[in-house]
C-alpha atoms as a PDB file:
ATOM      1  CA  UNK A   1      24.425  45.367  84.763  1.00  0.00           C
ATOM      2  CA  UNK A   2      26.697  44.148  81.943  1.00  0.00           C
ATOM      3  CA  UNK A   3      25.971  41.891  79.013  1.00  0.00           C
ATOM      4  CA  UNK A   4      27.169  38.323  79.475  1.00  0.00           C
ATOM      5  CA  UNK A   5      29.965  38.624  76.909  1.00  0.00           C
ATOM      6  CA  UNK A   6      30.669  42.350  77.306  1.00  0.00           C
ATOM      7  CA  UNK A   7      29.071  43.197  73.950  1.00  0.00           C
ATOM      8  CA  UNK A   8      27.292  46.541  73.751  1.00  0.00           C
ATOM      9  CA  UNK A   9      25.615  48.520  71.017  1.00  0.00           C
ATOM     10  CA  UNK A  10      26.362  52.254  70.826  1.00  0.00           C
ATOM     11  CA  UNK A  11      24.091  54.447  68.749  1.00  0.00           C
ATOM     12  CA  UNK A  12      26.120  57.487  67.737  1.00  0.00           C
ATOM     13  CA  UNK A  13      23.981  60.428  66.582  1.00  0.00           C
ATOM     14  CA  UNK A  14      25.522  63.736  65.520  1.00  0.00           C
ATOM     15  CA  UNK A  15      23.790  66.677  67.189  1.00  0.00           C
ATOM     16  CA  UNK A  16      22.004  69.078  64.780  1.00  0.00           C
ATOM     17  CA  UNK A  17      24.369  67.751  62.107  1.00  0.00           C
ATOM     18  CA  UNK A  18      23.812  70.036  59.113  1.00  0.00           C
ATOM     19  CA  UNK A  19      23.653  73.120  61.315  1.00  0.00           C
ATOM     20  CA  UNK A  20      26.789  72.041  63.159  1.00  0.00           C
ATOM     21  CA  UNK A  21      28.687  71.624  59.892  1.00  0.00           C
ATOM     22  CA  UNK A  22      27.563  75.075  58.755  1.00  0.00           C
ATOM     23  CA  UNK A  23      28.688  76.588  62.054  1.00  0.00           C
ATOM     24  CA  UNK A  24      32.172  75.171  61.538  1.00  0.00           C
ATOM     25  CA  UNK A  25      32.288  77.243  58.335  1.00  0.00           C
ATOM     26  CA  UNK A  26      30.552  80.255  59.881  1.00  0.00           C
ATOM     27  CA  UNK A  27      31.290  80.469  63.632  1.00  0.00           C
ATOM     28  CA  UNK A  28      29.242  83.673  63.863  1.00  0.00           C
ATOM     29  CA  UNK A  29      26.119  81.459  63.629  1.00  0.00           C
ATOM     30  CA  UNK A  30      26.803  79.842  67.020  1.00  0.00           C
ATOM     31  CA  UNK A  31      23.966  80.653  69.398  1.00  0.00           C
ATOM     32  CA  UNK A  32      21.640  81.864  66.646  1.00  0.00           C
ATOM     33  CA  UNK A  33      18.529  80.060  65.391  1.00  0.00           C
ATOM     34  CA  UNK A  34      19.579  78.380  62.138  1.00  0.00           C
ATOM     35  CA  UNK A  35      17.467  76.462  59.627  1.00  0.00           C
ATOM     36  CA  UNK A  36      18.935  74.403  56.773  1.00  0.00           C
ATOM     37  CA  UNK A  37      16.590  73.399  53.965  1.00  0.00           C
ATOM     38  CA  UNK A  38      16.027  73.502  50.228  1.00  0.00           C
ATOM     39  CA  UNK A  39      17.809  76.452  48.643  1.00  0.00           C
ATOM     40  CA  UNK A  40      17.354  78.543  51.752  1.00  0.00           C
ATOM     41  CA  UNK A  41      14.452  80.415  50.173  1.00  0.00           C
ATOM     42  CA  UNK A  42      11.176  80.328  52.158  1.00  0.00           C
ATOM     43  CA  UNK A  43       9.198  81.518  49.127  1.00  0.00           C
ATOM     44  CA  UNK A  44       9.966  78.210  47.413  1.00  0.00           C
ATOM     45  CA  UNK A  45       8.462  74.821  48.120  1.00  0.00           C
ATOM     46  CA  UNK A  46      10.990  73.126  50.352  1.00  0.00           C
ATOM     47  CA  UNK A  47      11.179  71.614  53.816  1.00  0.00           C
ATOM     48  CA  UNK A  48      13.462  71.908  56.831  1.00  0.00           C
ATOM     49  CA  UNK A  49      16.344  69.439  56.716  1.00  0.00           C
ATOM     50  CA  UNK A  50      17.777  70.395  60.113  1.00  0.00           C
ATOM     51  CA  UNK A  51      16.995  73.115  62.639  1.00  0.00           C
ATOM     52  CA  UNK A  52      19.285  74.267  65.419  1.00  0.00           C
ATOM     53  CA  UNK A  53      18.165  73.790  69.005  1.00  0.00           C
ATOM     54  CA  UNK A  54      17.531  77.539  69.182  1.00  0.00           C
ATOM     55  CA  UNK A  55      15.086  77.245  66.245  1.00  0.00           C
ATOM     56  CA  UNK A  56      13.487  74.120  67.692  1.00  0.00           C
ATOM     57  CA  UNK A  57      12.543  76.107  70.779  1.00  0.00           C
ATOM     58  CA  UNK A  58      10.187  78.037  68.477  1.00  0.00           C
ATOM     59  CA  UNK A  59       8.544  74.837  67.243  1.00  0.00           C
ATOM     60  CA  UNK A  60      10.601  74.360  64.087  1.00  0.00           C
ATOM     61  CA  UNK A  61      11.211  70.717  63.169  1.00  0.00           C
ATOM     62  CA  UNK A  62      12.617  68.584  60.350  1.00  0.00           C
ATOM     63  CA  UNK A  63      10.221  68.034  57.472  1.00  0.00           C
ATOM     64  CA  UNK A  64       8.307  71.247  58.167  1.00  0.00           C
ATOM     65  CA  UNK A  65       7.701  73.523  55.159  1.00  0.00           C
ATOM     66  CA  UNK A  66      10.199  76.386  55.126  1.00  0.00           C
ATOM     67  CA  UNK A  67       7.369  78.924  54.876  1.00  0.00           C
ATOM     68  CA  UNK A  68       5.878  77.666  58.121  1.00  0.00           C
ATOM     69  CA  UNK A  69       9.289  77.461  59.801  1.00  0.00           C
ATOM     70  CA  UNK A  70       9.958  81.130  59.045  1.00  0.00           C
ATOM     71  CA  UNK A  71       6.587  82.125  60.479  1.00  0.00           C
ATOM     72  CA  UNK A  72       7.414  80.245  63.665  1.00  0.00           C
ATOM     73  CA  UNK A  73      10.926  81.662  63.895  1.00  0.00           C
ATOM     74  CA  UNK A  74      11.185  84.870  61.832  1.00  0.00           C
ATOM     75  CA  UNK A  75      14.667  85.702  63.148  1.00  0.00           C
ATOM     76  CA  UNK A  76      16.185  82.426  61.966  1.00  0.00           C
ATOM     77  CA  UNK A  77      19.138  82.343  59.576  1.00  0.00           C
ATOM     78  CA  UNK A  78      18.136  80.263  56.531  1.00  0.00           C
ATOM     79  CA  UNK A  79      20.812  78.295  54.693  1.00  0.00           C
ATOM     80  CA  UNK A  80      20.641  76.105  51.566  1.00  0.00           C
ATOM     81  CA  UNK A  81      21.447  72.405  51.676  1.00  0.00           C
ATOM     82  CA  UNK A  82      25.094  71.814  50.647  1.00  0.00           C
ATOM     83  CA  UNK A  83      25.125  68.080  50.075  1.00  0.00           C
ATOM     84  CA  UNK A  84      28.811  67.534  49.114  1.00  0.00           C
ATOM     85  CA  UNK A  85      30.010  69.281  52.269  1.00  0.00           C
ATOM     86  CA  UNK A  86      27.738  67.188  54.483  1.00  0.00           C
ATOM     87  CA  UNK A  87      28.758  63.965  52.748  1.00  0.00           C
ATOM     88  CA  UNK A  88      32.421  64.763  53.337  1.00  0.00           C
ATOM     89  CA  UNK A  89      31.834  65.531  57.029  1.00  0.00           C
ATOM     90  CA  UNK A  90      29.790  62.346  57.419  1.00  0.00           C
ATOM     91  CA  UNK A  91      32.510  60.219  55.815  1.00  0.00           C
ATOM     92  CA  UNK A  92      35.094  61.593  58.239  1.00  0.00           C
ATOM     93  CA  UNK A  93      32.872  60.827  61.226  1.00  0.00           C
ATOM     94  CA  UNK A  94      32.184  57.275  60.051  1.00  0.00           C
ATOM     95  CA  UNK A  95      35.883  56.674  59.582  1.00  0.00           C
ATOM     96  CA  UNK A  96      36.496  57.731  63.194  1.00  0.00           C
ATOM     97  CA  UNK A  97      33.931  55.153  64.310  1.00  0.00           C
ATOM     98  CA  UNK A  98      35.455  52.426  62.134  1.00  0.00           C
ATOM     99  CA  UNK A  99      38.855  53.186  63.643  1.00  0.00           C
ATOM    100  CA  UNK A 100      37.613  52.251  67.135  1.00  0.00           C
ATOM    101  CA  UNK A 101      39.507  49.007  67.939  1.00  0.00           C
ATOM    102  CA  UNK A 102      37.302  45.964  67.370  1.00  0.00           C
ATOM    103  CA  UNK A 103      34.244  48.041  66.424  1.00  0.00           C
ATOM    104  CA  UNK A 104      31.531  46.774  64.078  1.00  0.00           C
ATOM    105  CA  UNK A 105      29.899  49.787  62.412  1.00  0.00           C
ATOM    106  CA  UNK A 106      26.476  49.822  60.750  1.00  0.00           C
ATOM    107  CA  UNK A 107      25.901  53.192  59.079  1.00  0.00           C
ATOM    108  CA  UNK A 108      22.304  54.439  59.158  1.00  0.00           C
ATOM    109  CA  UNK A 109      22.719  57.744  57.347  1.00  0.00           C
ATOM    110  CA  UNK A 110      24.752  60.907  57.173  1.00  0.00           C
ATOM    111  CA  UNK A 111      24.520  61.571  60.881  1.00  0.00           C
ATOM    112  CA  UNK A 112      24.091  58.283  62.715  1.00  0.00           C
ATOM    113  CA  UNK A 113      25.479  54.780  63.057  1.00  0.00           C
ATOM    114  CA  UNK A 114      25.365  51.749  65.308  1.00  0.00           C
ATOM    115  CA  UNK A 115      28.723  50.706  66.747  1.00  0.00           C
ATOM    116  CA  UNK A 116      29.172  47.275  68.271  1.00  0.00           C
ATOM    117  CA  UNK A 117      31.889  47.182  70.923  1.00  0.00           C
ATOM    118  CA  UNK A 118      33.182  44.796  73.550  1.00  0.00           C
ATOM    119  CA  UNK A 119      33.779  46.598  76.828  1.00  0.00           C
ATOM    120  CA  UNK A 120      33.091  46.312  80.551  1.00  0.00           C
ATOM    121  CA  UNK A 121      32.504  50.079  80.757  1.00  0.00           C
ATOM    122  CA  UNK A 122      30.287  51.184  77.860  1.00  0.00           C
ATOM    123  CA  UNK A 123      29.867  54.714  79.272  1.00  0.00           C
ATOM    124  CA  UNK A 124      33.631  55.229  79.224  1.00  0.00           C
ATOM    125  CA  UNK A 125      33.782  53.872  75.688  1.00  0.00           C
ATOM    126  CA  UNK A 126      30.952  56.187  74.623  1.00  0.00           C
ATOM    127  CA  UNK A 127      32.779  59.186  76.053  1.00  0.00           C
ATOM    128  CA  UNK A 128      35.938  58.136  74.209  1.00  0.00           C
ATOM    129  CA  UNK A 129      33.957  57.992  70.971  1.00  0.00           C
ATOM    130  CA  UNK A 130      32.560  61.471  71.603  1.00  0.00           C
ATOM    131  CA  UNK A 131      36.030  62.848  72.227  1.00  0.00           C
ATOM    132  CA  UNK A 132      37.454  61.167  69.120  1.00  0.00           C
ATOM    133  CA  UNK A 133      34.671  62.481  66.865  1.00  0.00           C
ATOM    134  CA  UNK A 134      35.050  65.999  68.267  1.00  0.00           C
ATOM    135  CA  UNK A 135      38.836  65.967  67.946  1.00  0.00           C
ATOM    136  CA  UNK A 136      38.732  64.739  64.350  1.00  0.00           C
ATOM    137  CA  UNK A 137      35.787  66.713  62.979  1.00  0.00           C
ATOM    138  CA  UNK A 138      34.825  69.458  65.429  1.00  0.00           C
ATOM    139  CA  UNK A 139      31.353  67.900  65.703  1.00  0.00           C
ATOM    140  CA  UNK A 140      29.494  66.869  68.850  1.00  0.00           C
ATOM    141  CA  UNK A 141      27.433  63.711  69.145  1.00  0.00           C
ATOM    142  CA  UNK A 142      25.107  61.948  71.550  1.00  0.00           C
ATOM    143  CA  UNK A 143      25.498  58.256  72.293  1.00  0.00           C
ATOM    144  CA  UNK A 144      22.842  55.769  73.299  1.00  0.00           C
ATOM    145  CA  UNK A 145      23.956  52.507  74.890  1.00  0.00           C
ATOM    146  CA  UNK A 146      21.903  49.330  74.733  1.00  0.00           C
ATOM    147  CA  UNK A 147      21.903  45.563  74.690  1.00  0.00           C
ATOM    148  CA  UNK A 148      19.892  45.725  71.441  1.00  0.00           C
ATOM    149  CA  UNK A 149      19.874  48.135  68.519  1.00  0.00           C
ATOM    150  CA  UNK A 150      16.379  49.329  69.458  1.00  0.00           C
ATOM    151  CA  UNK A 151      17.338  50.144  73.043  1.00  0.00           C
ATOM    152  CA  UNK A 152      20.518  51.939  71.948  1.00  0.00           C
ATOM    153  CA  UNK A 153      18.606  54.008  69.392  1.00  0.00           C
ATOM    154  CA  UNK A 154      15.892  55.021  71.858  1.00  0.00           C
ATOM    155  CA  UNK A 155      18.490  55.777  74.549  1.00  0.00           C
ATOM    156  CA  UNK A 156      20.161  58.391  72.363  1.00  0.00           C
ATOM    157  CA  UNK A 157      17.217  60.778  72.526  1.00  0.00           C
ATOM    158  CA  UNK A 158      17.239  60.512  76.318  1.00  0.00           C
ATOM    159  CA  UNK A 159      20.833  61.763  76.399  1.00  0.00           C
ATOM    160  CA  UNK A 160      20.611  64.628  73.904  1.00  0.00           C
ATOM    161  CA  UNK A 161      22.372  66.904  73.418  1.00  0.00           C
ATOM    162  CA  UNK A 162      25.991  65.755  73.776  1.00  0.00           C
ATOM    163  CA  UNK A 163      25.035  63.171  76.376  1.00  0.00           C
ATOM    164  CA  UNK A 164      25.293  59.449  77.041  1.00  0.00           C
ATOM    165  CA  UNK A 165      22.382  57.267  78.183  1.00  0.00           C
ATOM    166  CA  UNK A 166      22.027  53.517  78.740  1.00  0.00           C
ATOM    167  CA  UNK A 167      18.913  51.356  78.317  1.00  0.00           C
ATOM    168  CA  UNK A 168      18.841  47.603  78.969  1.00  0.00           C
ATOM    169  CA  UNK A 169      16.286  44.843  79.295  1.00  0.00           C
ATOM    170  CA  UNK A 170      16.266  45.433  83.065  1.00  0.00           C
ATOM    171  CA  UNK A 171      15.645  49.197  82.845  1.00  0.00           C
ATOM    172  CA  UNK A 172      13.499  49.339  79.700  1.00  0.00           C
ATOM    173  CA  UNK A 173      10.035  49.424  81.278  1.00  0.00           C
ATOM    174  CA  UNK A 174      11.150  51.528  84.224  1.00  0.00           C
ATOM    175  CA  UNK A 175      12.355  54.258  81.865  1.00  0.00           C
ATOM    176  CA  UNK A 176      10.044  53.798  78.882  1.00  0.00           C
ATOM    177  CA  UNK A 177       6.918  52.110  80.243  1.00  0.00           C
ATOM    178  CA  UNK A 178       4.735  55.190  80.730  1.00  0.00           C
ATOM    179  CA  UNK A 179       5.919  56.981  77.614  1.00  0.00           C
ATOM    180  CA  UNK A 180       3.641  57.108  74.555  1.00  0.00           C
ATOM    181  CA  UNK A 181       4.213  54.542  71.817  1.00  0.00           C
ATOM    182  CA  UNK A 182       5.506  57.345  69.569  1.00  0.00           C
ATOM    183  CA  UNK A 183       8.614  57.409  71.785  1.00  0.00           C
ATOM    184  CA  UNK A 184       9.627  54.148  70.103  1.00  0.00           C
ATOM    185  CA  UNK A 185      11.929  53.989  67.084  1.00  0.00           C
ATOM    186  CA  UNK A 186       9.750  53.247  64.074  1.00  0.00           C
ATOM    187  CA  UNK A 187       6.384  54.076  65.646  1.00  0.00           C
ATOM    188  CA  UNK A 188       5.007  57.212  64.038  1.00  0.00           C
ATOM    189  CA  UNK A 189       1.592  58.873  64.287  1.00  0.00           C
ATOM    190  CA  UNK A 190      -0.140  56.383  61.985  1.00  0.00           C
ATOM    191  CA  UNK A 191       1.022  53.250  63.772  1.00  0.00           C
ATOM    192  CA  UNK A 192       0.406  54.928  67.122  1.00  0.00           C
ATOM    193  CA  UNK A 193      -3.172  55.727  66.060  1.00  0.00           C
ATOM    194  CA  UNK A 194      -3.743  52.115  65.018  1.00  0.00           C
ATOM    195  CA  UNK A 195      -2.392  50.939  68.365  1.00  0.00           C
ATOM    196  CA  UNK A 196      -4.705  53.386  70.126  1.00  0.00           C
ATOM    197  CA  UNK A 197      -7.609  51.706  68.312  1.00  0.00           C
ATOM    198  CA  UNK A 198      -6.619  48.592  70.269  1.00  0.00           C
ATOM    199  CA  UNK A 199      -6.451  50.560  73.519  1.00  0.00           C
ATOM    200  CA  UNK A 200      -2.640  50.583  73.463  1.00  0.00           C
ATOM    201  CA  UNK A 201      -1.229  54.006  74.237  1.00  0.00           C
ATOM    202  CA  UNK A 202       1.940  53.459  76.270  1.00  0.00           C
ATOM    203  CA  UNK A 203       5.093  51.423  75.774  1.00  0.00           C
ATOM    204  CA  UNK A 204       4.193  49.268  78.776  1.00  0.00           C
ATOM    205  CA  UNK A 205       0.775  48.477  77.321  1.00  0.00           C
ATOM    206  CA  UNK A 206       2.362  47.520  74.018  1.00  0.00           C
ATOM    207  CA  UNK A 207       4.968  45.348  75.722  1.00  0.00           C
ATOM    208  CA  UNK A 208       2.209  43.484  77.565  1.00  0.00           C
ATOM    209  CA  UNK A 209       0.077  42.881  74.464  1.00  0.00           C
ATOM    210  CA  UNK A 210      -0.084  39.315  73.162  1.00  0.00           C
ATOM    211  CA  UNK A 211       1.572  38.912  69.781  1.00  0.00           C
ATOM    212  CA  UNK A 212      -1.495  37.284  68.200  1.00  0.00           C
ATOM    213  CA  UNK A 213      -3.481  40.487  68.852  1.00  0.00           C
ATOM    214  CA  UNK A 214      -0.878  42.561  67.011  1.00  0.00           C
ATOM    215  CA  UNK A 215      -0.562  40.033  64.195  1.00  0.00           C
ATOM    216  CA  UNK A 216      -4.328  40.092  63.664  1.00  0.00           C
ATOM    217  CA  UNK A 217      -4.246  43.888  63.405  1.00  0.00           C
ATOM    218  CA  UNK A 218      -0.964  44.505  61.507  1.00  0.00           C
ATOM    219  CA  UNK A 219      -0.229  41.199  59.769  1.00  0.00           C
ATOM    220  CA  UNK A 220       2.283  38.431  60.612  1.00  0.00           C
ATOM    221  CA  UNK A 221       5.594  40.204  59.987  1.00  0.00           C
ATOM    222  CA  UNK A 222       4.691  43.764  60.988  1.00  0.00           C
ATOM    223  CA  UNK A 223       2.650  42.715  63.995  1.00  0.00           C
ATOM    224  CA  UNK A 224       5.544  40.724  65.432  1.00  0.00           C
ATOM    225  CA  UNK A 225       7.908  43.612  64.691  1.00  0.00           C
ATOM    226  CA  UNK A 226       5.726  46.168  66.506  1.00  0.00           C
ATOM    227  CA  UNK A 227       5.550  43.836  69.499  1.00  0.00           C
ATOM    228  CA  UNK A 228       9.344  43.569  69.619  1.00  0.00           C
ATOM    229  CA  UNK A 229       9.627  47.359  69.517  1.00  0.00           C
ATOM    230  CA  UNK A 230       7.434  47.577  72.601  1.00  0.00           C
ATOM    231  CA  UNK A 231       9.806  45.293  74.472  1.00  0.00           C
ATOM    232  CA  UNK A 232      12.936  46.960  73.084  1.00  0.00           C
ATOM    233  CA  UNK A 233      13.869  43.684  71.428  1.00  0.00           C
ATOM    234  CA  UNK A 234      15.340  42.755  68.085  1.00  0.00           C
ATOM    235  CA  UNK A 235      18.913  42.494  66.863  1.00  0.00           C
ATOM    236  CA  UNK A 236      21.629  42.628  69.490  1.00  0.00           C
ATOM    237  CA  UNK A 237      24.580  43.344  67.205  1.00  0.00           C
ATOM    238  CA  UNK A 238      25.187  45.676  64.242  1.00  0.00           C
ATOM    239  CA  UNK A 239      25.649  44.382  60.707  1.00  0.00           C
ATOM    240  CA  UNK A 240      28.545  45.936  58.792  1.00  0.00           C
ATOM    241  CA  UNK A 241      27.754  44.189  55.520  1.00  0.00           C
ATOM    242  CA  UNK A 242      28.206  46.799  52.768  1.00  0.00           C
ATOM    243  CA  UNK A 243      24.889  48.246  51.684  1.00  0.00           C
ATOM    244  CA  UNK A 244      23.767  47.358  48.176  1.00  0.00           C
ATOM    245  CA  UNK A 245      21.244  49.640  46.499  1.00  0.00           C
ATOM    246  CA  UNK A 246      17.966  48.057  45.433  1.00  0.00           C
ATOM    247  CA  UNK A 247      16.738  51.044  43.443  1.00  0.00           C
ATOM    248  CA  UNK A 248      17.609  54.503  42.195  1.00  0.00           C
ATOM    249  CA  UNK A 249      15.094  57.295  42.113  1.00  0.00           C
ATOM    250  CA  UNK A 250      14.603  61.002  41.605  1.00  0.00           C
ATOM    251  CA  UNK A 251      11.735  63.268  42.557  1.00  0.00           C
ATOM    252  CA  UNK A 252      11.001  66.956  42.157  1.00  0.00           C
ATOM    253  CA  UNK A 253       8.719  69.293  44.074  1.00  0.00           C
ATOM    254  CA  UNK A 254       7.722  71.924  41.528  1.00  0.00           C
ATOM    255  CA  UNK A 255       7.714  75.576  42.462  1.00  0.00           C
ATOM    256  CA  UNK A 256       4.683  75.981  40.223  1.00  0.00           C
ATOM    257  CA  UNK A 257       1.990  73.313  40.021  1.00  0.00           C
ATOM    258  CA  UNK A 258       2.115  71.367  36.772  1.00  0.00           C
ATOM    259  CA  UNK A 259      -0.859  71.094  34.512  1.00  0.00           C
ATOM    260  CA  UNK A 260      -1.532  67.429  33.533  1.00  0.00           C
ATOM    261  CA  UNK A 261      -0.412  68.270  29.989  1.00  0.00           C
ATOM    262  CA  UNK A 262       3.057  69.101  31.358  1.00  0.00           C
ATOM    263  CA  UNK A 263       3.469  65.788  33.168  1.00  0.00           C
ATOM    264  CA  UNK A 264       4.870  63.733  30.232  1.00  0.00           C
ATOM    265  CA  UNK A 265       7.824  66.070  29.746  1.00  0.00           C
ATOM    266  CA  UNK A 266       8.486  66.221  33.486  1.00  0.00           C
ATOM    267  CA  UNK A 267       8.462  62.423  33.702  1.00  0.00           C
ATOM    268  CA  UNK A 268      10.890  62.218  30.805  1.00  0.00           C
ATOM    269  CA  UNK A 269      13.376  64.430  32.660  1.00  0.00           C
ATOM    270  CA  UNK A 270      13.131  62.263  35.790  1.00  0.00           C
ATOM    271  CA  UNK A 271      13.445  59.051  33.755  1.00  0.00           C
ATOM    272  CA  UNK A 272      16.662  60.279  32.152  1.00  0.00           C
ATOM    273  CA  UNK A 273      18.137  60.964  35.596  1.00  0.00           C
ATOM    274  CA  UNK A 274      17.123  57.505  36.816  1.00  0.00           C
ATOM    275  CA  UNK A 275      18.506  55.815  33.692  1.00  0.00           C
ATOM    276  CA  UNK A 276      21.858  57.556  34.191  1.00  0.00           C
ATOM    277  CA  UNK A 277      22.034  56.161  37.739  1.00  0.00           C
ATOM    278  CA  UNK A 278      21.165  52.674  36.500  1.00  0.00           C
ATOM    279  CA  UNK A 279      23.943  52.756  33.913  1.00  0.00           C
ATOM    280  CA  UNK A 280      26.454  53.839  36.552  1.00  0.00           C
ATOM    281  CA  UNK A 281      25.287  50.955  38.756  1.00  0.00           C
ATOM    282  CA  UNK A 282      25.383  48.582  35.751  1.00  0.00           C
ATOM    283  CA  UNK A 283      22.077  47.037  36.853  1.00  0.00           C
ATOM    284  CA  UNK A 284      18.946  47.509  34.773  1.00  0.00           C
ATOM    285  CA  UNK A 285      15.497  48.442  36.086  1.00  0.00           C
ATOM    286  CA  UNK A 286      12.977  45.636  36.363  1.00  0.00           C
ATOM    287  CA  UNK A 287      10.181  47.675  37.976  1.00  0.00           C
ATOM    288  CA  UNK A 288       9.140  51.314  37.753  1.00  0.00           C
ATOM    289  CA  UNK A 289       7.708  53.054  40.811  1.00  0.00           C
ATOM    290  CA  UNK A 290       5.791  56.307  40.373  1.00  0.00           C
ATOM    291  CA  UNK A 291       5.063  58.886  43.067  1.00  0.00           C
ATOM    292  CA  UNK A 292       2.576  61.696  42.434  1.00  0.00           C
ATOM    293  CA  UNK A 293       1.479  64.473  44.773  1.00  0.00           C
ATOM    294  CA  UNK A 294      -1.446  66.566  43.597  1.00  0.00           C
ATOM    295  CA  UNK A 295      -2.956  69.748  44.948  1.00  0.00           C
ATOM    296  CA  UNK A 296      -3.694  70.297  47.776  1.00  0.00           C
ATOM    297  CA  UNK A 297      -1.466  67.546  49.240  1.00  0.00           C
ATOM    298  CA  UNK A 298      -2.650  64.075  48.242  1.00  0.00           C
ATOM    299  CA  UNK A 299       0.073  61.533  47.430  1.00  0.00           C
ATOM    300  CA  UNK A 300      -0.282  58.356  45.360  1.00  0.00           C
ATOM    301  CA  UNK A 301       2.251  55.648  44.525  1.00  0.00           C
ATOM    302  CA  UNK A 302       2.021  52.954  41.871  1.00  0.00           C
ATOM    303  CA  UNK A 303       4.415  50.284  40.588  1.00  0.00           C
ATOM    304  CA  UNK A 304       4.647  48.152  37.468  1.00  0.00           C
ATOM    305  CA  UNK A 305       6.983  45.338  36.472  1.00  0.00           C
ATOM    306  CA  UNK A 306       8.641  45.901  33.098  1.00  0.00           C
ATOM    307  CA  UNK A 307       8.361  43.285  30.303  1.00  0.00           C
ATOM    308  CA  UNK A 308      12.160  43.023  30.414  1.00  0.00           C
ATOM    309  CA  UNK A 309      14.900  44.795  32.434  1.00  0.00           C
ATOM    310  CA  UNK A 310      16.024  48.013  30.767  1.00  0.00           C
ATOM    311  CA  UNK A 311      18.304  51.030  30.930  1.00  0.00           C
ATOM    312  CA  UNK A 312      16.143  52.889  28.414  1.00  0.00           C
ATOM    313  CA  UNK A 313      14.899  56.244  29.683  1.00  0.00           C
ATOM    314  CA  UNK A 314      12.074  56.347  27.133  1.00  0.00           C
ATOM    315  CA  UNK A 315      10.734  52.974  28.288  1.00  0.00           C
ATOM    316  CA  UNK A 316      10.920  54.058  31.925  1.00  0.00           C
ATOM    317  CA  UNK A 317       9.188  57.370  31.161  1.00  0.00           C
ATOM    318  CA  UNK A 318       6.473  55.656  29.126  1.00  0.00           C
ATOM    319  CA  UNK A 319       5.745  53.213  31.941  1.00  0.00           C
ATOM    320  CA  UNK A 320       5.622  56.030  34.475  1.00  0.00           C
ATOM    321  CA  UNK A 321       3.219  57.948  32.258  1.00  0.00           C
ATOM    322  CA  UNK A 322       0.939  54.915  31.952  1.00  0.00           C
ATOM    323  CA  UNK A 323       0.898  54.653  35.737  1.00  0.00           C
ATOM    324  CA  UNK A 324       0.061  58.354  36.009  1.00  0.00           C
ATOM    325  CA  UNK A 325      -2.773  58.141  33.488  1.00  0.00           C
ATOM    326  CA  UNK A 326      -4.169  55.102  35.311  1.00  0.00           C
ATOM    327  CA  UNK A 327      -4.698  57.306  38.368  1.00  0.00           C
ATOM    328  CA  UNK A 328      -7.318  59.261  36.454  1.00  0.00           C
ATOM    329  CA  UNK A 329      -6.540  62.369  38.476  1.00  0.00           C
ATOM    330  CA  UNK A 330      -6.379  65.669  36.584  1.00  0.00           C
ATOM    331  CA  UNK A 331      -5.653  67.903  39.563  1.00  0.00           C
ATOM    332  CA  UNK A 332      -2.526  70.135  39.416  1.00  0.00           C
ATOM    333  CA  UNK A 333       0.667  68.237  40.249  1.00  0.00           C
ATOM    334  CA  UNK A 334       2.949  69.433  43.046  1.00  0.00           C
ATOM    335  CA  UNK A 335       5.495  66.580  42.977  1.00  0.00           C
ATOM    336  CA  UNK A 336       6.570  63.758  40.682  1.00  0.00           C
ATOM    337  CA  UNK A 337       9.015  60.957  41.421  1.00  0.00           C
ATOM    338  CA  UNK A 338      10.302  57.926  39.528  1.00  0.00           C
ATOM    339  CA  UNK A 339      12.217  55.052  41.088  1.00  0.00           C
ATOM    340  CA  UNK A 340      13.808  52.273  39.072  1.00  0.00           C
ATOM    341  CA  UNK A 341      13.942  49.031  41.059  1.00  0.00           C
ATOM    342  CA  UNK A 342      16.982  47.135  39.795  1.00  0.00           C
ATOM    343  CA  UNK A 343      17.616  43.475  39.072  1.00  0.00           C
ATOM    344  CA  UNK A 344      19.390  41.871  42.059  1.00  0.00           C
ATOM    345  CA  UNK A 345      23.181  41.661  41.910  1.00  0.00           C
ATOM    346  CA  UNK A 346      24.817  38.352  41.087  1.00  0.00           C
ATOM    347  CA  UNK A 347      24.499  36.170  44.167  1.00  0.00           C
ATOM    348  CA  UNK A 348      21.551  38.190  45.504  1.00  0.00           C
ATOM    349  CA  UNK A 349      21.409  40.742  48.295  1.00  0.00           C
END
């Protein structure tokens, strides 16, 4: 099967990206279980950013606390996150993708992007992309092929590692129908649990569910979106419009829980970091978002619109503190975060 105009979406996903970059610097790590996260110190509060396939075989996964990861895989090599190195590697990969003749590239993050191409042989094109990325950067990638962004994204996992897999409207239910809803891009445990409340546990069951049922349960926009995910629908072509930031934020997980009396000073530090980002962007904050995680692991978020847009760190910190005090929670604080939502750019987003 080919699309009517030969347009295909490739989802290019770099395999175990951070680990792979580290192995280019330290070839002796090839074949060993490797975990990248935090400062590489399991005694600190930090999470796994990337685990090698060898570590994943022991149950280690992204987002897992480093302490738990080490218990699951005590022989793993732990490495600190080296952001500038990863950003440089990512930029080189994305440039390879943008150099594909006629390609439309929508970057999703450090290690993945959608690439719109016109071809009668998308598998051959995907293999060419893999070869070009490897030749230029030394990094391997998996490529999902689809007639929508959703199908391309889901297809990638079916081809990992270093593989190529195609999903289309014709093959979607045959391949995905009996898989759990969590196999879908954007359906995590919470949404899956809410779907299960409706008796929907598989992709096929979700695809067959009337939209009004989902809208009644999730709301107009989100309900329709979840229904499209079940059918593999949605956009059929990437968008390479340059991304414009809507906010700048900073958060810190503290190695020692903060007493409530220490929160004002901690918020002031975060507000100064946010204000510096706003000045570099030359767009003032119009709303302040606060994130608080208290012991043992309960997270709250609150937001407040400012009386007038500002770059002032003291005003941002004061607003964040008011939001914190409004929570009325005096438990020890594990994490604080402040995000400054900026005024839209001239002409809008």
